[in-house]
C-alpha atoms as a PDB file:
ATOM      1  CA  UNK A   1     -16.914 -20.031  51.865  1.00  0.00           C
ATOM      2  CA  UNK A   2     -19.957 -18.280  53.354  1.00  0.00           C
ATOM      3  CA  UNK A   3     -19.719 -20.591  56.382  1.00  0.00           C
ATOM      4  CA  UNK A   4     -16.502 -18.780  57.346  1.00  0.00           C
ATOM      5  CA  UNK A   5     -18.024 -15.334  56.845  1.00  0.00           C
ATOM      6  CA  UNK A   6     -18.104 -13.084  59.901  1.00  0.00           C
ATOM      7  CA  UNK A   7     -19.450  -9.580  60.427  1.00  0.00           C
ATOM      8  CA  UNK A   8     -17.807  -6.547  62.002  1.00  0.00           C
ATOM      9  CA  UNK A   9     -19.307  -3.087  62.379  1.00  0.00           C
ATOM     10  CA  UNK A  10     -16.894  -0.152  62.660  1.00  0.00           C
ATOM     11  CA  UNK A  11     -18.589   2.429  64.855  1.00  0.00           C
ATOM     12  CA  UNK A  12     -18.266   4.401  68.074  1.00  0.00           C
ATOM     13  CA  UNK A  13     -21.204   2.411  69.414  1.00  0.00           C
ATOM     14  CA  UNK A  14     -20.506  -1.343  69.834  1.00  0.00           C
ATOM     15  CA  UNK A  15     -23.778  -2.542  68.323  1.00  0.00           C
ATOM     16  CA  UNK A  16     -24.130  -5.895  66.573  1.00  0.00           C
ATOM     17  CA  UNK A  17     -25.311  -6.287  62.987  1.00  0.00           C
ATOM     18  CA  UNK A  18     -27.813  -8.957  62.033  1.00  0.00           C
ATOM     19  CA  UNK A  19     -26.907 -10.478  58.661  1.00  0.00           C
ATOM     20  CA  UNK A  20     -28.463 -13.769  57.591  1.00  0.00           C
ATOM     21  CA  UNK A  21     -26.743 -16.118  55.126  1.00  0.00           C
ATOM     22  CA  UNK A  22     -28.178 -19.558  54.519  1.00  0.00           C
ATOM     23  CA  UNK A  23     -30.872 -18.926  57.152  1.00  0.00           C
ATOM     24  CA  UNK A  24     -28.187 -18.525  59.790  1.00  0.00           C
ATOM     25  CA  UNK A  25     -27.017 -15.347  61.446  1.00  0.00           C
ATOM     26  CA  UNK A  26     -23.351 -14.532  60.883  1.00  0.00           C
ATOM     27  CA  UNK A  27     -21.160 -14.115  63.956  1.00  0.00           C
ATOM     28  CA  UNK A  28     -20.264 -10.563  64.990  1.00  0.00           C
ATOM     29  CA  UNK A  29     -16.570 -10.062  65.804  1.00  0.00           C
ATOM     30  CA  UNK A  30     -14.616  -7.198  67.360  1.00  0.00           C
ATOM     31  CA  UNK A  31     -11.540  -7.641  65.163  1.00  0.00           C
ATOM     32  CA  UNK A  32     -10.121  -9.691  62.304  1.00  0.00           C
ATOM     33  CA  UNK A  33      -6.935  -9.897  60.276  1.00  0.00           C
ATOM     34  CA  UNK A  34      -7.014  -8.759  56.653  1.00  0.00           C
ATOM     35  CA  UNK A  35      -3.926  -8.870  54.405  1.00  0.00           C
ATOM     36  CA  UNK A  36      -1.685  -9.151  57.453  1.00  0.00           C
ATOM     37  CA  UNK A  37      -3.201  -6.186  59.305  1.00  0.00           C
ATOM     38  CA  UNK A  38      -5.570  -6.290  62.276  1.00  0.00           C
ATOM     39  CA  UNK A  39      -8.796  -4.325  61.833  1.00  0.00           C
ATOM     40  CA  UNK A  40     -10.881  -3.495  64.917  1.00  0.00           C
ATOM     41  CA  UNK A  41     -14.447  -2.309  65.328  1.00  0.00           C
ATOM     42  CA  UNK A  42     -13.372   1.013  66.867  1.00  0.00           C
ATOM     43  CA  UNK A  43     -11.519   1.988  63.690  1.00  0.00           C
ATOM     44  CA  UNK A  44      -8.250   2.650  65.534  1.00  0.00           C
ATOM     45  CA  UNK A  45      -4.788   1.345  64.693  1.00  0.00           C
ATOM     46  CA  UNK A  46      -3.599   0.828  68.299  1.00  0.00           C
ATOM     47  CA  UNK A  47      -4.099  -2.942  68.318  1.00  0.00           C
ATOM     48  CA  UNK A  48      -2.325  -3.374  64.977  1.00  0.00           C
ATOM     49  CA  UNK A  49       0.542  -1.124  66.054  1.00  0.00           C
ATOM     50  CA  UNK A  50       1.105  -2.953  69.359  1.00  0.00           C
ATOM     51  CA  UNK A  51       1.003  -6.305  67.562  1.00  0.00           C
ATOM     52  CA  UNK A  52       3.612  -5.091  65.073  1.00  0.00           C
ATOM     53  CA  UNK A  53       5.865  -3.811  67.872  1.00  0.00           C
ATOM     54  CA  UNK A  54       5.642  -7.169  69.656  1.00  0.00           C
ATOM     55  CA  UNK A  55       6.576  -9.005  66.442  1.00  0.00           C
ATOM     56  CA  UNK A  56       9.496  -6.631  65.878  1.00  0.00           C
ATOM     57  CA  UNK A  57      10.825  -7.190  69.406  1.00  0.00           C
ATOM     58  CA  UNK A  58      10.619 -10.958  68.884  1.00  0.00           C
ATOM     59  CA  UNK A  59      12.562 -10.580  65.635  1.00  0.00           C
ATOM     60  CA  UNK A  60      15.200  -8.531  67.454  1.00  0.00           C
ATOM     61  CA  UNK A  61      15.654 -11.319  69.994  1.00  0.00           C
ATOM     62  CA  UNK A  62      16.106 -13.902  67.232  1.00  0.00           C
ATOM     63  CA  UNK A  63      18.674 -11.726  65.427  1.00  0.00           C
ATOM     64  CA  UNK A  64      20.499 -10.660  68.585  1.00  0.00           C
ATOM     65  CA  UNK A  65      23.778 -12.167  67.381  1.00  0.00           C
ATOM     66  CA  UNK A  66      23.784  -9.689  64.476  1.00  0.00           C
ATOM     67  CA  UNK A  67      23.996  -6.707  66.797  1.00  0.00           C
ATOM     68  CA  UNK A  68      27.313  -7.577  68.433  1.00  0.00           C
ATOM     69  CA  UNK A  69      29.587  -4.635  69.238  1.00  0.00           C
ATOM     70  CA  UNK A  70      32.258  -6.163  67.003  1.00  0.00           C
ATOM     71  CA  UNK A  71      30.372  -4.762  64.019  1.00  0.00           C
ATOM     72  CA  UNK A  72      30.541  -1.125  63.010  1.00  0.00           C
ATOM     73  CA  UNK A  73      27.902   1.148  64.604  1.00  0.00           C
ATOM     74  CA  UNK A  74      26.471   2.286  61.278  1.00  0.00           C
ATOM     75  CA  UNK A  75      26.159  -1.308  60.097  1.00  0.00           C
ATOM     76  CA  UNK A  76      24.348  -2.325  63.285  1.00  0.00           C
ATOM     77  CA  UNK A  77      21.895   0.567  62.891  1.00  0.00           C
ATOM     78  CA  UNK A  78      21.189  -0.489  59.306  1.00  0.00           C
ATOM     79  CA  UNK A  79      20.559  -4.056  60.490  1.00  0.00           C
ATOM     80  CA  UNK A  80      18.102  -2.810  63.121  1.00  0.00           C
ATOM     81  CA  UNK A  81      16.170  -0.752  60.573  1.00  0.00           C
ATOM     82  CA  UNK A  82      16.255  -3.589  58.031  1.00  0.00           C
ATOM     83  CA  UNK A  83      15.294  -6.556  60.230  1.00  0.00           C
ATOM     84  CA  UNK A  84      13.335  -4.889  63.049  1.00  0.00           C
ATOM     85  CA  UNK A  85      11.848  -1.600  61.879  1.00  0.00           C
ATOM     86  CA  UNK A  86      10.611  -3.175  58.654  1.00  0.00           C
ATOM     87  CA  UNK A  87       8.384  -5.466  60.739  1.00  0.00           C
ATOM     88  CA  UNK A  88       7.066  -2.776  63.067  1.00  0.00           C
ATOM     89  CA  UNK A  89       6.345  -0.396  60.171  1.00  0.00           C
ATOM     90  CA  UNK A  90       4.284  -2.745  58.035  1.00  0.00           C
ATOM     91  CA  UNK A  91       1.381  -0.818  56.512  1.00  0.00           C
ATOM     92  CA  UNK A  92       1.714   2.426  58.534  1.00  0.00           C
ATOM     93  CA  UNK A  93       0.468   4.519  55.600  1.00  0.00           C
ATOM     94  CA  UNK A  94      -3.131   4.159  56.789  1.00  0.00           C
ATOM     95  CA  UNK A  95      -2.460   4.588  60.505  1.00  0.00           C
ATOM     96  CA  UNK A  96      -4.110   7.495  62.301  1.00  0.00           C
ATOM     97  CA  UNK A  97      -1.875   8.025  65.299  1.00  0.00           C
ATOM     98  CA  UNK A  98      -3.031   9.502  68.572  1.00  0.00           C
ATOM     99  CA  UNK A  99      -0.642  10.996  71.121  1.00  0.00           C
ATOM    100  CA  UNK A 100      -0.569   7.739  73.093  1.00  0.00           C
ATOM    101  CA  UNK A 101       0.250   5.771  69.924  1.00  0.00           C
ATOM    102  CA  UNK A 102       3.110   8.119  69.117  1.00  0.00           C
ATOM    103  CA  UNK A 103       4.544   7.565  72.603  1.00  0.00           C
ATOM    104  CA  UNK A 104       4.395   3.782  72.115  1.00  0.00           C
ATOM    105  CA  UNK A 105       6.314   4.086  68.837  1.00  0.00           C
ATOM    106  CA  UNK A 106       8.943   6.391  70.290  1.00  0.00           C
ATOM    107  CA  UNK A 107       9.354   4.045  73.266  1.00  0.00           C
ATOM    108  CA  UNK A 108       9.902   1.158  70.857  1.00  0.00           C
ATOM    109  CA  UNK A 109      12.488   3.216  68.956  1.00  0.00           C
ATOM    110  CA  UNK A 110      14.435   3.863  72.145  1.00  0.00           C
ATOM    111  CA  UNK A 111      14.055   0.196  73.149  1.00  0.00           C
ATOM    112  CA  UNK A 112      15.851  -0.806  69.929  1.00  0.00           C
ATOM    113  CA  UNK A 113      18.815   1.499  70.539  1.00  0.00           C
ATOM    114  CA  UNK A 114      19.103   0.506  74.196  1.00  0.00           C
ATOM    115  CA  UNK A 115      19.042  -3.197  73.346  1.00  0.00           C
ATOM    116  CA  UNK A 116      21.558  -2.720  70.558  1.00  0.00           C
ATOM    117  CA  UNK A 117      23.948  -0.926  72.929  1.00  0.00           C
ATOM    118  CA  UNK A 118      23.139  -3.305  75.817  1.00  0.00           C
ATOM    119  CA  UNK A 119      21.962  -0.460  78.043  1.00  0.00           C
ATOM    120  CA  UNK A 120      19.715  -1.712  80.845  1.00  0.00           C
ATOM    121  CA  UNK A 121      16.978   0.412  82.394  1.00  0.00           C
ATOM    122  CA  UNK A 122      18.771  -0.085  85.728  1.00  0.00           C
ATOM    123  CA  UNK A 123      21.733   1.878  84.349  1.00  0.00           C
ATOM    124  CA  UNK A 124      19.646   5.074  84.575  1.00  0.00           C
ATOM    125  CA  UNK A 125      20.863   6.366  81.222  1.00  0.00           C
ATOM    126  CA  UNK A 126      18.645   9.091  79.770  1.00  0.00           C
ATOM    127  CA  UNK A 127      17.218   8.829  76.276  1.00  0.00           C
ATOM    128  CA  UNK A 128      19.224  11.864  75.135  1.00  0.00           C
ATOM    129  CA  UNK A 129      22.450  10.125  76.153  1.00  0.00           C
ATOM    130  CA  UNK A 130      21.430   6.945  74.331  1.00  0.00           C
ATOM    131  CA  UNK A 131      20.754   8.921  71.147  1.00  0.00           C
ATOM    132  CA  UNK A 132      24.171  10.563  71.415  1.00  0.00           C
ATOM    133  CA  UNK A 133      25.857   7.180  71.747  1.00  0.00           C
ATOM    134  CA  UNK A 134      24.179   5.773  68.653  1.00  0.00           C
ATOM    135  CA  UNK A 135      24.446   9.115  66.760  1.00  0.00           C
ATOM    136  CA  UNK A 136      20.732   9.171  65.983  1.00  0.00           C
ATOM    137  CA  UNK A 137      17.683  11.405  66.387  1.00  0.00           C
ATOM    138  CA  UNK A 138      14.114  10.375  67.041  1.00  0.00           C
ATOM    139  CA  UNK A 139      13.131   9.366  63.551  1.00  0.00           C
ATOM    140  CA  UNK A 140      10.430   6.681  63.573  1.00  0.00           C
ATOM    141  CA  UNK A 141       7.473   9.117  63.504  1.00  0.00           C
ATOM    142  CA  UNK A 142       9.059  11.052  60.662  1.00  0.00           C
ATOM    143  CA  UNK A 143       9.551   7.797  58.752  1.00  0.00           C
ATOM    144  CA  UNK A 144       5.850   6.979  59.122  1.00  0.00           C
ATOM    145  CA  UNK A 145       4.844  10.460  57.953  1.00  0.00           C
ATOM    146  CA  UNK A 146       7.192  10.189  54.965  1.00  0.00           C
ATOM    147  CA  UNK A 147       5.725   6.840  53.910  1.00  0.00           C
ATOM    148  CA  UNK A 148       2.195   8.143  54.367  1.00  0.00           C
ATOM    149  CA  UNK A 149       2.989  11.264  52.335  1.00  0.00           C
ATOM    150  CA  UNK A 150       4.460   9.183  49.481  1.00  0.00           C
ATOM    151  CA  UNK A 151       1.331   7.031  49.391  1.00  0.00           C
ATOM    152  CA  UNK A 152      -1.076   9.963  49.657  1.00  0.00           C
ATOM    153  CA  UNK A 153       0.817  11.872  46.977  1.00  0.00           C
ATOM    154  CA  UNK A 154       0.549   8.914  44.593  1.00  0.00           C
ATOM    155  CA  UNK A 155      -3.216   8.742  45.182  1.00  0.00           C
ATOM    156  CA  UNK A 156      -3.768  12.491  44.742  1.00  0.00           C
ATOM    157  CA  UNK A 157      -2.014  12.383  41.363  1.00  0.00           C
ATOM    158  CA  UNK A 158      -4.306   9.616  40.086  1.00  0.00           C
ATOM    159  CA  UNK A 159      -7.945   9.632  39.044  1.00  0.00           C
ATOM    160  CA  UNK A 160      -8.845   6.503  40.982  1.00  0.00           C
ATOM    161  CA  UNK A 161     -11.363   5.147  43.459  1.00  0.00           C
ATOM    162  CA  UNK A 162      -9.113   5.834  46.459  1.00  0.00           C
ATOM    163  CA  UNK A 163      -8.897   9.501  45.516  1.00  0.00           C
ATOM    164  CA  UNK A 164     -12.679   9.754  45.355  1.00  0.00           C
ATOM    165  CA  UNK A 165     -12.945   8.019  48.734  1.00  0.00           C
ATOM    166  CA  UNK A 166     -10.544  10.521  50.307  1.00  0.00           C
ATOM    167  CA  UNK A 167     -12.156  13.555  48.693  1.00  0.00           C
ATOM    168  CA  UNK A 168     -15.751  12.374  48.906  1.00  0.00           C
ATOM    169  CA  UNK A 169     -18.300  13.315  51.516  1.00  0.00           C
ATOM    170  CA  UNK A 170     -21.244  11.293  52.738  1.00  0.00           C
ATOM    171  CA  UNK A 171     -24.535  12.949  51.889  1.00  0.00           C
ATOM    172  CA  UNK A 172     -26.772  13.853  54.760  1.00  0.00           C
ATOM    173  CA  UNK A 173     -25.678  14.351  58.322  1.00  0.00           C
ATOM    174  CA  UNK A 174     -25.399  12.454  61.557  1.00  0.00           C
ATOM    175  CA  UNK A 175     -26.821  14.153  64.597  1.00  0.00           C
ATOM    176  CA  UNK A 176     -24.436  13.696  67.483  1.00  0.00           C
ATOM    177  CA  UNK A 177     -25.378  14.737  70.983  1.00  0.00           C
ATOM    178  CA  UNK A 178     -23.553  14.449  74.259  1.00  0.00           C
ATOM    179  CA  UNK A 179     -20.180  13.456  72.743  1.00  0.00           C
ATOM    180  CA  UNK A 180     -17.210  14.356  74.900  1.00  0.00           C
ATOM    181  CA  UNK A 181     -13.626  15.118  73.931  1.00  0.00           C
ATOM    182  CA  UNK A 182     -12.024  16.373  70.741  1.00  0.00           C
ATOM    183  CA  UNK A 183     -12.854  14.974  67.318  1.00  0.00           C
ATOM    184  CA  UNK A 184     -10.947  12.004  65.994  1.00  0.00           C
ATOM    185  CA  UNK A 185      -7.929  12.567  63.809  1.00  0.00           C
ATOM    186  CA  UNK A 186      -8.394  11.697  60.158  1.00  0.00           C
ATOM    187  CA  UNK A 187      -6.048  10.088  57.657  1.00  0.00           C
ATOM    188  CA  UNK A 188      -4.843  13.386  56.174  1.00  0.00           C
ATOM    189  CA  UNK A 189      -4.548  15.290  59.450  1.00  0.00           C
ATOM    190  CA  UNK A 190      -0.902  14.252  59.953  1.00  0.00           C
ATOM    191  CA  UNK A 191       0.237  15.922  56.727  1.00  0.00           C
ATOM    192  CA  UNK A 192      -2.084  18.920  56.327  1.00  0.00           C
ATOM    193  CA  UNK A 193      -2.034  20.464  59.798  1.00  0.00           C
ATOM    194  CA  UNK A 194      -0.695  23.780  58.520  1.00  0.00           C
ATOM    195  CA  UNK A 195      -2.084  23.596  54.964  1.00  0.00           C
ATOM    196  CA  UNK A 196      -5.499  23.166  53.422  1.00  0.00           C
ATOM    197  CA  UNK A 197      -6.413  20.189  51.280  1.00  0.00           C
ATOM    198  CA  UNK A 198      -6.339  22.184  48.026  1.00  0.00           C
ATOM    199  CA  UNK A 199      -2.776  23.351  48.738  1.00  0.00           C
ATOM    200  CA  UNK A 200      -1.801  19.805  49.652  1.00  0.00           C
ATOM    201  CA  UNK A 201      -3.158  18.436  46.372  1.00  0.00           C
ATOM    202  CA  UNK A 202      -1.439  21.162  44.365  1.00  0.00           C
ATOM    203  CA  UNK A 203       1.916  20.243  45.920  1.00  0.00           C
ATOM    204  CA  UNK A 204       1.362  16.538  45.251  1.00  0.00           C
ATOM    205  CA  UNK A 205       1.017  17.122  41.487  1.00  0.00           C
ATOM    206  CA  UNK A 206       4.764  17.741  41.252  1.00  0.00           C
ATOM    207  CA  UNK A 207       6.087  14.296  42.152  1.00  0.00           C
ATOM    208  CA  UNK A 208       9.762  15.288  42.417  1.00  0.00           C
ATOM    209  CA  UNK A 209       9.058  18.314  44.603  1.00  0.00           C
ATOM    210  CA  UNK A 210       6.619  16.351  46.774  1.00  0.00           C
ATOM    211  CA  UNK A 211       9.159  13.586  47.412  1.00  0.00           C
ATOM    212  CA  UNK A 212      11.907  16.095  48.179  1.00  0.00           C
ATOM    213  CA  UNK A 213       9.604  18.012  50.528  1.00  0.00           C
ATOM    214  CA  UNK A 214       8.768  14.991  52.661  1.00  0.00           C
ATOM    215  CA  UNK A 215      12.251  13.513  52.582  1.00  0.00           C
ATOM    216  CA  UNK A 216      13.679  16.641  54.181  1.00  0.00           C
ATOM    217  CA  UNK A 217      10.755  17.662  56.393  1.00  0.00           C
ATOM    218  CA  UNK A 218      10.727  16.843  60.080  1.00  0.00           C
ATOM    219  CA  UNK A 219       7.193  16.787  61.402  1.00  0.00           C
ATOM    220  CA  UNK A 220       6.436  18.358  64.760  1.00  0.00           C
ATOM    221  CA  UNK A 221       5.163  15.849  67.302  1.00  0.00           C
END
């Protein structure tokens, strides 16, 4: 088994790690697949998200006969969310989405409705008009936030290792000089933008109220 072992360092600086097993240095890789998800050395979810979107589009093409206009509109929308969205939204609970990632997801959402209604980009139909035709709102980002909130709420109610990982802090400090741009978004940033962590944890203790809160809430993107 150790012959198949590879090494990946998750860091802002793409430096290799020297690990010897059996007097041989293990190969350093930039990404690998673990439990169906792609992990990359930059710690971002962009590669995994784009891969999931590509798989979902391929699934849509294979199931194209299901989306015929003979079927009721509501039934076709349910089929899209069941067969297509379920593929694209595999494991989004741990995604940390940047603005560019959110745009990719919203573009994929509109792609689904346009394909379902057979609206070509050459028809020059605006997204607002497409949403009116399918009687939908932009919902994919809210669905991700809802799934993430359900998962986070379950963790915050438990005394487990994941809770300690989320709440814990690494001792010591890392001196950073010359870094440009804003800080990276963290896992909890999507659901605690207007509330502190202590308030967030207090809300999560009431499971029924927490679920109702995130089922009804529309996040601002």
